[in-house]
Amino acid sequence: LEAALGDLWSRGSRKHSRGSCTVCTFIMGESGCVHGRDCNFCHIPHASAGRKKLGMRRRLKLKAFAEAIEAAYRDDLDKFRAAAAVAGGRGPVFGG
């Protein structure tokens, strides 16, 4: 496998087939990864997960929003579920 992958192989690529590797964030950049084969991260292309990690500001905004819904509808489970279902959509405010 190592020979077949050539420049895509790295030390971190060993775990790729088990699905336990971590993607090298530099391999696809303009300069590539400076560590090459000695990189502890995977150089094999990965399918996009479709979702990126939310930034701290958005996470805090979502947390405050969830806490407000909980406080407002703590005593009415049906209204809480309805509000949570509406809030669960991915709108532009929260990164959708």
C-alpha atoms as a PDB file:
ATOM      1  CA  LEU A   1       0.000   0.000   0.000  1.00  0.00           C
ATOM      2  CA  GLU A   2       2.791   2.413   0.899  1.00  0.00           C
ATOM      3  CA  ALA A   3       4.460   2.008  -2.511  1.00  0.00           C
ATOM      4  CA  ALA A   4       1.167   2.379  -4.364  1.00  0.00           C
ATOM      5  CA  LEU A   5       0.306   5.631  -2.613  1.00  0.00           C
ATOM      6  CA  GLY A   6       3.661   7.287  -3.233  1.00  0.00           C
ATOM      7  CA  ASP A   7       3.570  10.895  -2.010  1.00  0.00           C
ATOM      8  CA  LEU A   8       0.177  10.408  -0.393  1.00  0.00           C
ATOM      9  CA  TRP A   9       1.671   8.027   2.159  1.00  0.00           C
ATOM     10  CA  SER A  10       2.613   9.324   5.597  1.00  0.00           C
ATOM     11  CA  ARG A  11       3.185   7.799   9.024  1.00  0.00           C
ATOM     12  CA  GLY A  12      -0.329   8.919   9.991  1.00  0.00           C
ATOM     13  CA  SER A  13      -1.827   7.158   6.940  1.00  0.00           C
ATOM     14  CA  ARG A  14      -1.320   3.749   8.578  1.00  0.00           C
ATOM     15  CA  LYS A  15      -4.595   4.115  10.468  1.00  0.00           C
ATOM     16  CA  HIS A  16      -6.604   5.168   7.393  1.00  0.00           C
ATOM     17  CA  SER A  17      -8.033   1.736   6.571  1.00  0.00           C
ATOM     18  CA  ARG A  18      -9.295   1.368  10.158  1.00  0.00           C
ATOM     19  CA  GLY A  19     -10.931   4.793  10.036  1.00  0.00           C
ATOM     20  CA  SER A  20      -8.956   6.005  13.032  1.00  0.00           C
ATOM     21  CA  CYS A  21      -6.636   8.449  11.287  1.00  0.00           C
ATOM     22  CA  THR A  22      -6.639  12.233  11.512  1.00  0.00           C
ATOM     23  CA  VAL A  23      -6.429  14.287   8.333  1.00  0.00           C
ATOM     24  CA  CYS A  24      -3.342  16.439   7.752  1.00  0.00           C
ATOM     25  CA  THR A  25      -4.652  19.957   7.260  1.00  0.00           C
ATOM     26  CA  PHE A  26      -1.595  21.018   5.293  1.00  0.00           C
ATOM     27  CA  ILE A  27      -1.383  18.310   2.623  1.00  0.00           C
ATOM     28  CA  MET A  28      -3.930  19.985   0.337  1.00  0.00           C
ATOM     29  CA  GLY A  29      -2.517  23.483   0.835  1.00  0.00           C
ATOM     30  CA  GLU A  30      -0.344  25.377  -1.636  1.00  0.00           C
ATOM     31  CA  SER A  31       2.944  24.298  -0.077  1.00  0.00           C
ATOM     32  CA  GLY A  32       1.801  20.845   1.010  1.00  0.00           C
ATOM     33  CA  CYS A  33       2.965  19.225   4.215  1.00  0.00           C
ATOM     34  CA  VAL A  34       6.558  20.013   5.184  1.00  0.00           C
ATOM     35  CA  HIS A  35       6.837  16.750   7.148  1.00  0.00           C
ATOM     36  CA  GLY A  36       6.133  14.527   4.129  1.00  0.00           C
ATOM     37  CA  ARG A  37       6.253  10.802   4.936  1.00  0.00           C
ATOM     38  CA  ASP A  38       7.210  11.573   8.565  1.00  0.00           C
ATOM     39  CA  CYS A  39       3.924  13.397   9.193  1.00  0.00           C
ATOM     40  CA  ASN A  40       1.842  11.872  11.985  1.00  0.00           C
ATOM     41  CA  PHE A  41      -1.352  12.836  10.171  1.00  0.00           C
ATOM     42  CA  CYS A  42      -3.034  11.121   7.238  1.00  0.00           C
ATOM     43  CA  HIS A  43      -2.221  12.341   3.713  1.00  0.00           C
ATOM     44  CA  ILE A  44      -4.789  10.134   1.955  1.00  0.00           C
ATOM     45  CA  PRO A  45      -7.784  12.184   0.698  1.00  0.00           C
ATOM     46  CA  HIS A  46     -10.877  11.876   2.885  1.00  0.00           C
ATOM     47  CA  ALA A  47     -14.509  12.296   1.928  1.00  0.00           C
ATOM     48  CA  SER A  48     -15.888  15.503   3.349  1.00  0.00           C
ATOM     49  CA  ALA A  49     -17.953  14.988   6.448  1.00  0.00           C
ATOM     50  CA  GLY A  50     -20.317  17.642   5.130  1.00  0.00           C
ATOM     51  CA  ARG A  51     -20.241  19.625   8.341  1.00  0.00           C
ATOM     52  CA  LYS A  52     -17.446  21.717   9.645  1.00  0.00           C
ATOM     53  CA  LYS A  53     -16.770  22.387  13.289  1.00  0.00           C
ATOM     54  CA  LEU A  54     -18.628  25.433  14.562  1.00  0.00           C
ATOM     55  CA  GLY A  55     -16.556  28.320  15.829  1.00  0.00           C
ATOM     56  CA  MET A  56     -16.585  29.355  19.470  1.00  0.00           C
ATOM     57  CA  ARG A  57     -18.857  32.355  18.856  1.00  0.00           C
ATOM     58  CA  ARG A  58     -21.509  30.224  17.160  1.00  0.00           C
ATOM     59  CA  ARG A  59     -21.266  27.499  19.795  1.00  0.00           C
ATOM     60  CA  LEU A  60     -21.800  30.079  22.558  1.00  0.00           C
ATOM     61  CA  LYS A  61     -24.724  31.585  20.653  1.00  0.00           C
ATOM     62  CA  LEU A  62     -26.314  28.156  20.246  1.00  0.00           C
ATOM     63  CA  LYS A  63     -25.788  27.341  23.909  1.00  0.00           C
ATOM     64  CA  ALA A  64     -27.433  30.596  25.022  1.00  0.00           C
ATOM     65  CA  PHE A  65     -30.315  29.978  22.626  1.00  0.00           C
ATOM     66  CA  ALA A  66     -30.834  26.426  23.927  1.00  0.00           C
ATOM     67  CA  GLU A  67     -30.749  27.643  27.529  1.00  0.00           C
ATOM     68  CA  ALA A  68     -33.327  30.342  26.722  1.00  0.00           C
ATOM     69  CA  ILE A  69     -35.675  27.765  25.169  1.00  0.00           C
ATOM     70  CA  GLU A  70     -35.242  25.493  28.167  1.00  0.00           C
ATOM     71  CA  ALA A  71     -35.959  28.326  30.616  1.00  0.00           C
ATOM     72  CA  ALA A  72     -38.992  29.558  28.670  1.00  0.00           C
ATOM     73  CA  TYR A  73     -40.647  26.157  28.247  1.00  0.00           C
ATOM     74  CA  ARG A  74     -39.368  24.228  31.261  1.00  0.00           C
ATOM     75  CA  ASP A  75     -42.901  23.602  32.538  1.00  0.00           C
ATOM     76  CA  ASP A  76     -44.534  22.743  29.187  1.00  0.00           C
ATOM     77  CA  LEU A  77     -42.954  19.726  27.490  1.00  0.00           C
ATOM     78  CA  ASP A  78     -45.065  19.984  24.320  1.00  0.00           C
ATOM     79  CA  LYS A  79     -44.113  23.635  23.739  1.00  0.00           C
ATOM     80  CA  PHE A  80     -40.491  22.812  24.528  1.00  0.00           C
ATOM     81  CA  ARG A  81     -40.449  20.033  21.920  1.00  0.00           C
ATOM     82  CA  ALA A  82     -42.096  22.295  19.326  1.00  0.00           C
ATOM     83  CA  ALA A  83     -39.570  25.084  19.968  1.00  0.00           C
ATOM     84  CA  ALA A  84     -36.676  22.628  19.898  1.00  0.00           C
ATOM     85  CA  ALA A  85     -37.884  21.188  16.578  1.00  0.00           C
ATOM     86  CA  VAL A  86     -38.046  24.651  15.019  1.00  0.00           C
ATOM     87  CA  ALA A  87     -34.673  25.632  16.480  1.00  0.00           C
ATOM     88  CA  GLY A  88     -33.107  22.378  15.290  1.00  0.00           C
ATOM     89  CA  GLY A  89     -33.185  23.567  11.678  1.00  0.00           C
ATOM     90  CA  ARG A  90     -29.931  24.850  10.196  1.00  0.00           C
ATOM     91  CA  GLY A  91     -30.631  28.476   9.492  1.00  0.00           C
ATOM     92  CA  PRO A  92     -28.193  31.224   8.438  1.00  0.00           C
ATOM     93  CA  VAL A  93     -27.826  32.526  12.004  1.00  0.00           C
ATOM     94  CA  PHE A  94     -26.277  29.293  13.218  1.00  0.00           C
ATOM     95  CA  GLY A  95     -24.322  28.240  10.191  1.00  0.00           C
ATOM     96  CA  GLY A  96     -26.856  26.466   8.013  1.00  0.00           C
END
